[in-house]
Amino acid sequence: MFDDGLTVVSKRDDPNYSQVSGHIPTEMAKNFKIACMMRGVSHSDGLEQAIAIWLAQDNDSSSPAKDKGDKENK
């Protein structure tokens, strides 16, 4: 047993993490689980990576509300 003064905290117990859940089509869920397994990452890490990519893409494009306002003012 190592006693280096460090405590390992799981993401569940880490206040810097929150749980996200939802319902997706069964086939998509199956493909996600397979992709995580093939990449050697946990479902949690795979979901975190997917959301990070989605948010980055969303930030690269204009928001729908901004686009809608721009179109209405033309």
PDB file of N, CA and C in Angstrom:
ATOM      1  N   MET A   1       0.840  -1.178   0.000  1.00  0.00           N
ATOM      2  CA  MET A   1       0.000   0.000   0.000  1.00  0.00           C
ATOM      3  C   MET A   1       0.884   1.239   0.000  1.00  0.00           C
ATOM      4  N   PHE A   2       0.533   2.207  -0.848  1.00  0.00           N
ATOM      5  CA  PHE A   2       1.294   3.442  -0.941  1.00  0.00           C
ATOM      6  C   PHE A   2       0.690   4.489  -0.015  1.00  0.00           C
ATOM      7  N   ASP A   3       1.538   5.232   0.656  1.00  0.00           N
ATOM      8  CA  ASP A   3       1.068   6.317   1.511  1.00  0.00           C
ATOM      9  C   ASP A   3       1.825   7.579   1.125  1.00  0.00           C
ATOM     10  N   ASP A   4       1.411   8.144  -0.028  1.00  0.00           N
ATOM     11  CA  ASP A   4       2.087   9.344  -0.512  1.00  0.00           C
ATOM     12  C   ASP A   4       1.290  10.613  -0.208  1.00  0.00           C
ATOM     13  N   GLY A   5       0.240  10.485   0.584  1.00  0.00           N
ATOM     14  CA  GLY A   5      -0.571  11.632   0.959  1.00  0.00           C
ATOM     15  C   GLY A   5      -1.618  12.016  -0.068  1.00  0.00           C
ATOM     16  N   LEU A   6      -1.695  11.285  -1.175  1.00  0.00           N
ATOM     17  CA  LEU A   6      -2.676  11.571  -2.209  1.00  0.00           C
ATOM     18  C   LEU A   6      -3.901  10.693  -2.029  1.00  0.00           C
ATOM     19  N   THR A   7      -5.061  11.256  -2.257  1.00  0.00           N
ATOM     20  CA  THR A   7      -6.301  10.504  -2.194  1.00  0.00           C
ATOM     21  C   THR A   7      -6.907  10.471  -3.588  1.00  0.00           C
ATOM     22  N   VAL A   8      -7.255   9.290  -4.049  1.00  0.00           N
ATOM     23  CA  VAL A   8      -7.886   9.139  -5.348  1.00  0.00           C
ATOM     24  C   VAL A   8      -9.381   9.377  -5.172  1.00  0.00           C
ATOM     25  N   VAL A   9      -9.909  10.310  -5.945  1.00  0.00           N
ATOM     26  CA  VAL A   9     -11.327  10.635  -5.884  1.00  0.00           C
ATOM     27  C   VAL A   9     -11.958  10.233  -7.208  1.00  0.00           C
ATOM     28  N   SER A  10     -13.055   9.494  -7.149  1.00  0.00           N
ATOM     29  CA  SER A  10     -13.744   9.121  -8.375  1.00  0.00           C
ATOM     30  C   SER A  10     -14.491  10.335  -8.914  1.00  0.00           C
ATOM     31  N   LYS A  11     -14.822  10.298 -10.192  1.00  0.00           N
ATOM     32  CA  LYS A  11     -15.570  11.404 -10.787  1.00  0.00           C
ATOM     33  C   LYS A  11     -16.906  11.587 -10.073  1.00  0.00           C
ATOM     34  N   ARG A  12     -17.489  10.490  -9.623  1.00  0.00           N
ATOM     35  CA  ARG A  12     -18.767  10.552  -8.910  1.00  0.00           C
ATOM     36  C   ARG A  12     -18.647  11.405  -7.651  1.00  0.00           C
ATOM     37  N   ASP A  13     -17.515  11.319  -6.980  1.00  0.00           N
ATOM     38  CA  ASP A  13     -17.301  12.052  -5.731  1.00  0.00           C
ATOM     39  C   ASP A  13     -16.605  13.394  -5.928  1.00  0.00           C
ATOM     40  N   ASP A  14     -16.181  13.682  -7.153  1.00  0.00           N
ATOM     41  CA  ASP A  14     -15.453  14.916  -7.438  1.00  0.00           C
ATOM     42  C   ASP A  14     -16.451  16.056  -7.670  1.00  0.00           C
ATOM     43  N   PRO A  15     -16.383  17.125  -6.887  1.00  0.00           N
ATOM     44  CA  PRO A  15     -17.335  18.230  -7.053  1.00  0.00           C
ATOM     45  C   PRO A  15     -17.187  18.977  -8.381  1.00  0.00           C
ATOM     46  N   ASN A  16     -16.120  18.703  -9.118  1.00  0.00           N
ATOM     47  CA  ASN A  16     -15.914  19.342 -10.417  1.00  0.00           C
ATOM     48  C   ASN A  16     -16.614  18.607 -11.556  1.00  0.00           C
ATOM     49  N   TYR A  17     -17.319  17.519 -11.247  1.00  0.00           N
ATOM     50  CA  TYR A  17     -18.021  16.724 -12.254  1.00  0.00           C
ATOM     51  C   TYR A  17     -19.500  16.648 -11.920  1.00  0.00           C
ATOM     52  N   SER A  18     -20.342  16.603 -12.963  1.00  0.00           N
ATOM     53  CA  SER A  18     -21.786  16.444 -12.815  1.00  0.00           C
ATOM     54  C   SER A  18     -22.247  15.302 -13.701  1.00  0.00           C
ATOM     55  N   GLN A  19     -23.302  14.627 -13.288  1.00  0.00           N
ATOM     56  CA  GLN A  19     -23.855  13.535 -14.074  1.00  0.00           C
ATOM     57  C   GLN A  19     -24.787  14.095 -15.139  1.00  0.00           C
ATOM     58  N   VAL A  20     -24.686  13.547 -16.354  1.00  0.00           N
ATOM     59  CA  VAL A  20     -25.552  13.911 -17.467  1.00  0.00           C
ATOM     60  C   VAL A  20     -26.175  12.621 -17.975  1.00  0.00           C
ATOM     61  N   SER A  21     -27.463  12.638 -18.242  1.00  0.00           N
ATOM     62  CA  SER A  21     -28.093  11.436 -18.780  1.00  0.00           C
ATOM     63  C   SER A  21     -29.195  11.825 -19.750  1.00  0.00           C
ATOM     64  N   GLY A  22     -29.583  10.892 -20.555  1.00  0.00           N
ATOM     65  CA  GLY A  22     -30.648  11.117 -21.522  1.00  0.00           C
ATOM     66  C   GLY A  22     -30.954   9.823 -22.246  1.00  0.00           C
ATOM     67  N   HIS A  23     -31.907   9.883 -23.135  1.00  0.00           N
ATOM     68  CA  HIS A  23     -32.304   8.713 -23.912  1.00  0.00           C
ATOM     69  C   HIS A  23     -31.940   8.930 -25.374  1.00  0.00           C
ATOM     70  N   ILE A  24     -31.258   7.952 -25.943  1.00  0.00           N
ATOM     71  CA  ILE A  24     -30.873   7.981 -27.349  1.00  0.00           C
ATOM     72  C   ILE A  24     -31.326   6.666 -27.976  1.00  0.00           C
ATOM     73  N   PRO A  25     -31.408   6.602 -29.305  1.00  0.00           N
ATOM     74  CA  PRO A  25     -31.809   5.355 -29.953  1.00  0.00           C
ATOM     75  C   PRO A  25     -30.891   4.195 -29.554  1.00  0.00           C
ATOM     76  N   THR A  26     -31.476   3.019 -29.427  1.00  0.00           N
ATOM     77  CA  THR A  26     -30.753   1.828 -28.987  1.00  0.00           C
ATOM     78  C   THR A  26     -29.537   1.540 -29.858  1.00  0.00           C
ATOM     79  N   GLU A  27     -29.685   1.658 -31.161  1.00  0.00           N
ATOM     80  CA  GLU A  27     -28.569   1.368 -32.072  1.00  0.00           C
ATOM     81  C   GLU A  27     -27.421   2.354 -31.849  1.00  0.00           C
ATOM     82  N   MET A  28     -27.749   3.618 -31.608  1.00  0.00           N
ATOM     83  CA  MET A  28     -26.725   4.622 -31.343  1.00  0.00           C
ATOM     84  C   MET A  28     -26.000   4.306 -30.039  1.00  0.00           C
ATOM     85  N   ALA A  29     -26.744   3.894 -29.025  1.00  0.00           N
ATOM     86  CA  ALA A  29     -26.137   3.538 -27.738  1.00  0.00           C
ATOM     87  C   ALA A  29     -25.193   2.353 -27.904  1.00  0.00           C
ATOM     88  N   LYS A  30     -25.626   1.362 -28.678  1.00  0.00           N
ATOM     89  CA  LYS A  30     -24.786   0.188 -28.919  1.00  0.00           C
ATOM     90  C   LYS A  30     -23.508   0.584 -29.651  1.00  0.00           C
ATOM     91  N   ASN A  31     -23.635   1.424 -30.671  1.00  0.00           N
ATOM     92  CA  ASN A  31     -22.460   1.874 -31.424  1.00  0.00           C
ATOM     93  C   ASN A  31     -21.522   2.704 -30.554  1.00  0.00           C
ATOM     94  N   PHE A  32     -22.090   3.507 -29.656  1.00  0.00           N
ATOM     95  CA  PHE A  32     -21.275   4.301 -28.734  1.00  0.00           C
ATOM     96  C   PHE A  32     -20.471   3.389 -27.818  1.00  0.00           C
ATOM     97  N   LYS A  33     -21.113   2.369 -27.274  1.00  0.00           N
ATOM     98  CA  LYS A  33     -20.426   1.440 -26.369  1.00  0.00           C
ATOM     99  C   LYS A  33     -19.309   0.700 -27.097  1.00  0.00           C
ATOM    100  N   ILE A  34     -19.571   0.296 -28.327  1.00  0.00           N
ATOM    101  CA  ILE A  34     -18.552  -0.390 -29.127  1.00  0.00           C
ATOM    102  C   ILE A  34     -17.385   0.555 -29.416  1.00  0.00           C
ATOM    103  N   ALA A  35     -17.696   1.797 -29.789  1.00  0.00           N
ATOM    104  CA  ALA A  35     -16.643   2.777 -30.089  1.00  0.00           C
ATOM    105  C   ALA A  35     -15.780   3.043 -28.861  1.00  0.00           C
ATOM    106  N   CYS A  36     -16.404   3.140 -27.696  1.00  0.00           N
ATOM    107  CA  CYS A  36     -15.634   3.346 -26.460  1.00  0.00           C
ATOM    108  C   CYS A  36     -14.712   2.161 -26.203  1.00  0.00           C
ATOM    109  N   MET A  37     -15.249   0.960 -26.380  1.00  0.00           N
ATOM    110  CA  MET A  37     -14.455  -0.242 -26.152  1.00  0.00           C
ATOM    111  C   MET A  37     -13.269  -0.293 -27.120  1.00  0.00           C
ATOM    112  N   MET A  38     -13.522   0.021 -28.397  1.00  0.00           N
ATOM    113  CA  MET A  38     -12.459  -0.024 -29.401  1.00  0.00           C
ATOM    114  C   MET A  38     -11.375   1.026 -29.124  1.00  0.00           C
ATOM    115  N   ARG A  39     -11.760   2.144 -28.538  1.00  0.00           N
ATOM    116  CA  ARG A  39     -10.800   3.207 -28.220  1.00  0.00           C
ATOM    117  C   ARG A  39     -10.167   3.019 -26.848  1.00  0.00           C
ATOM    118  N   GLY A  40     -10.696   2.076 -26.086  1.00  0.00           N
ATOM    119  CA  GLY A  40     -10.155   1.816 -24.754  1.00  0.00           C
ATOM    120  C   GLY A  40     -10.470   2.913 -23.753  1.00  0.00           C
ATOM    121  N   VAL A  41     -11.646   3.541 -23.908  1.00  0.00           N
ATOM    122  CA  VAL A  41     -12.053   4.592 -22.975  1.00  0.00           C
ATOM    123  C   VAL A  41     -13.356   4.190 -22.289  1.00  0.00           C
ATOM    124  N   SER A  42     -13.579   4.754 -21.120  1.00  0.00           N
ATOM    125  CA  SER A  42     -14.828   4.491 -20.407  1.00  0.00           C
ATOM    126  C   SER A  42     -15.971   5.214 -21.117  1.00  0.00           C
ATOM    127  N   HIS A  43     -17.196   4.788 -20.829  1.00  0.00           N
ATOM    128  CA  HIS A  43     -18.357   5.468 -21.395  1.00  0.00           C
ATOM    129  C   HIS A  43     -18.370   6.931 -20.948  1.00  0.00           C
ATOM    130  N   SER A  44     -17.981   7.171 -19.711  1.00  0.00           N
ATOM    131  CA  SER A  44     -17.929   8.531 -19.172  1.00  0.00           C
ATOM    132  C   SER A  44     -16.939   9.388 -19.958  1.00  0.00           C
ATOM    133  N   ASP A  45     -15.754   8.854 -20.210  1.00  0.00           N
ATOM    134  CA  ASP A  45     -14.742   9.601 -20.964  1.00  0.00           C
ATOM    135  C   ASP A  45     -15.174   9.804 -22.416  1.00  0.00           C
ATOM    136  N   GLY A  46     -15.800   8.789 -23.005  1.00  0.00           N
ATOM    137  CA  GLY A  46     -16.295   8.912 -24.377  1.00  0.00           C
ATOM    138  C   GLY A  46     -17.369   9.978 -24.487  1.00  0.00           C
ATOM    139  N   LEU A  47     -18.272  10.003 -23.527  1.00  0.00           N
ATOM    140  CA  LEU A  47     -19.327  11.012 -23.518  1.00  0.00           C
ATOM    141  C   LEU A  47     -18.739  12.406 -23.321  1.00  0.00           C
ATOM    142  N   GLU A  48     -17.766  12.515 -22.431  1.00  0.00           N
ATOM    143  CA  GLU A  48     -17.108  13.808 -22.198  1.00  0.00           C
ATOM    144  C   GLU A  48     -16.441  14.311 -23.480  1.00  0.00           C
ATOM    145  N   GLN A  49     -15.757  13.408 -24.197  1.00  0.00           N
ATOM    146  CA  GLN A  49     -15.099  13.790 -25.448  1.00  0.00           C
ATOM    147  C   GLN A  49     -16.127  14.202 -26.500  1.00  0.00           C
ATOM    148  N   ALA A  50     -17.216  13.440 -26.611  1.00  0.00           N
ATOM    149  CA  ALA A  50     -18.249  13.737 -27.607  1.00  0.00           C
ATOM    150  C   ALA A  50     -18.904  15.087 -27.334  1.00  0.00           C
ATOM    151  N   ILE A  51     -19.212  15.369 -26.083  1.00  0.00           N
ATOM    152  CA  ILE A  51     -19.841  16.643 -25.733  1.00  0.00           C
ATOM    153  C   ILE A  51     -18.873  17.794 -25.967  1.00  0.00           C
ATOM    154  N   ALA A  52     -17.599  17.599 -25.652  1.00  0.00           N
ATOM    155  CA  ALA A  52     -16.597  18.649 -25.876  1.00  0.00           C
ATOM    156  C   ALA A  52     -16.512  18.995 -27.362  1.00  0.00           C
ATOM    157  N   ILE A  53     -16.518  17.982 -28.222  1.00  0.00           N
ATOM    158  CA  ILE A  53     -16.473  18.210 -29.671  1.00  0.00           C
ATOM    159  C   ILE A  53     -17.735  18.931 -30.123  1.00  0.00           C
ATOM    160  N   TRP A  54     -18.887  18.488 -29.652  1.00  0.00           N
ATOM    161  CA  TRP A  54     -20.161  19.091 -30.022  1.00  0.00           C
ATOM    162  C   TRP A  54     -20.220  20.560 -29.601  1.00  0.00           C
ATOM    163  N   LEU A  55     -19.784  20.843 -28.381  1.00  0.00           N
ATOM    164  CA  LEU A  55     -19.786  22.224 -27.897  1.00  0.00           C
ATOM    165  C   LEU A  55     -18.813  23.096 -28.686  1.00  0.00           C
ATOM    166  N   ALA A  56     -17.653  22.547 -29.041  1.00  0.00           N
ATOM    167  CA  ALA A  56     -16.675  23.298 -29.830  1.00  0.00           C
ATOM    168  C   ALA A  56     -17.250  23.624 -31.206  1.00  0.00           C
ATOM    169  N   GLN A  57     -17.934  22.670 -31.831  1.00  0.00           N
ATOM    170  CA  GLN A  57     -18.561  22.908 -33.128  1.00  0.00           C
ATOM    171  C   GLN A  57     -19.671  23.942 -32.995  1.00  0.00           C
ATOM    172  N   ASP A  58     -20.422  23.852 -31.910  1.00  0.00           N
ATOM    173  CA  ASP A  58     -21.516  24.788 -31.664  1.00  0.00           C
ATOM    174  C   ASP A  58     -20.976  26.202 -31.484  1.00  0.00           C
ATOM    175  N   ASN A  59     -19.836  26.333 -30.820  1.00  0.00           N
ATOM    176  CA  ASN A  59     -19.230  27.648 -30.607  1.00  0.00           C
ATOM    177  C   ASN A  59     -18.655  28.227 -31.895  1.00  0.00           C
ATOM    178  N   ASP A  60     -18.296  27.346 -32.838  1.00  0.00           N
ATOM    179  CA  ASP A  60     -17.736  27.805 -34.107  1.00  0.00           C
ATOM    180  C   ASP A  60     -18.811  28.370 -35.035  1.00  0.00           C
ATOM    181  N   SER A  61     -20.062  27.971 -34.821  1.00  0.00           N
ATOM    182  CA  SER A  61     -21.147  28.454 -35.664  1.00  0.00           C
ATOM    183  C   SER A  61     -21.962  29.491 -34.905  1.00  0.00           C
ATOM    184  N   SER A  62     -22.732  30.242 -35.639  1.00  0.00           N
ATOM    185  CA  SER A  62     -23.582  31.253 -35.004  1.00  0.00           C
ATOM    186  C   SER A  62     -24.705  30.568 -34.253  1.00  0.00           C
ATOM    187  N   SER A  63     -25.169  31.191 -33.194  1.00  0.00           N
ATOM    188  CA  SER A  63     -26.282  30.631 -32.438  1.00  0.00           C
ATOM    189  C   SER A  63     -27.559  30.801 -33.247  1.00  0.00           C
ATOM    190  N   PRO A  64     -28.522  29.866 -33.123  1.00  0.00           N
ATOM    191  CA  PRO A  64     -29.786  29.960 -33.862  1.00  0.00           C
ATOM    192  C   PRO A  64     -30.535  31.258 -33.553  1.00  0.00           C
ATOM    193  N   ALA A  65     -30.520  31.710 -32.314  1.00  0.00           N
ATOM    194  CA  ALA A  65     -31.221  32.935 -31.945  1.00  0.00           C
ATOM    195  C   ALA A  65     -30.602  34.138 -32.656  1.00  0.00           C
ATOM    196  N   LYS A  66     -29.270  34.150 -32.741  1.00  0.00           N
ATOM    197  CA  LYS A  66     -28.571  35.245 -33.409  1.00  0.00           C
ATOM    198  C   LYS A  66     -28.890  35.231 -34.901  1.00  0.00           C
ATOM    199  N   ASP A  67     -28.871  34.037 -35.529  1.00  0.00           N
ATOM    200  CA  ASP A  67     -29.190  33.918 -36.945  1.00  0.00           C
ATOM    201  C   ASP A  67     -30.616  34.365 -37.209  1.00  0.00           C
ATOM    202  N   LYS A  68     -31.535  33.940 -36.367  1.00  0.00           N
ATOM    203  CA  LYS A  68     -32.940  34.276 -36.539  1.00  0.00           C
ATOM    204  C   LYS A  68     -33.123  35.786 -36.488  1.00  0.00           C
ATOM    205  N   GLY A  69     -32.492  36.427 -35.527  1.00  0.00           N
ATOM    206  CA  GLY A  69     -32.583  37.872 -35.400  1.00  0.00           C
ATOM    207  C   GLY A  69     -31.996  38.582 -36.600  1.00  0.00           C
ATOM    208  N   ASP A  70     -30.889  38.077 -37.110  1.00  0.00           N
ATOM    209  CA  ASP A  70     -30.250  38.688 -38.269  1.00  0.00           C
ATOM    210  C   ASP A  70     -31.152  38.592 -39.498  1.00  0.00           C
ATOM    211  N   LYS A  71     -31.810  37.445 -39.691  1.00  0.00           N
ATOM    212  CA  LYS A  71     -32.677  37.248 -40.848  1.00  0.00           C
ATOM    213  C   LYS A  71     -33.913  38.134 -40.763  1.00  0.00           C
ATOM    214  N   GLU A  72     -34.447  38.307 -39.559  1.00  0.00           N
ATOM    215  CA  GLU A  72     -35.652  39.107 -39.392  1.00  0.00           C
ATOM    216  C   GLU A  72     -35.372  40.581 -39.617  1.00  0.00           C
ATOM    217  N   ASN A  73     -34.143  41.013 -39.377  1.00  0.00           N
ATOM    218  CA  ASN A  73     -33.805  42.420 -39.518  1.00  0.00           C
ATOM    219  C   ASN A  73     -33.395  42.796 -40.937  1.00  0.00           C
ATOM    220  N   LYS A  74     -33.334  41.836 -41.846  1.00  0.00           N
ATOM    221  CA  LYS A  74     -32.904  42.114 -43.226  1.00  0.00           C
ATOM    222  C   LYS A  74     -34.088  42.374 -44.119  1.00  0.00           C
TER     223      LYS A  74
END
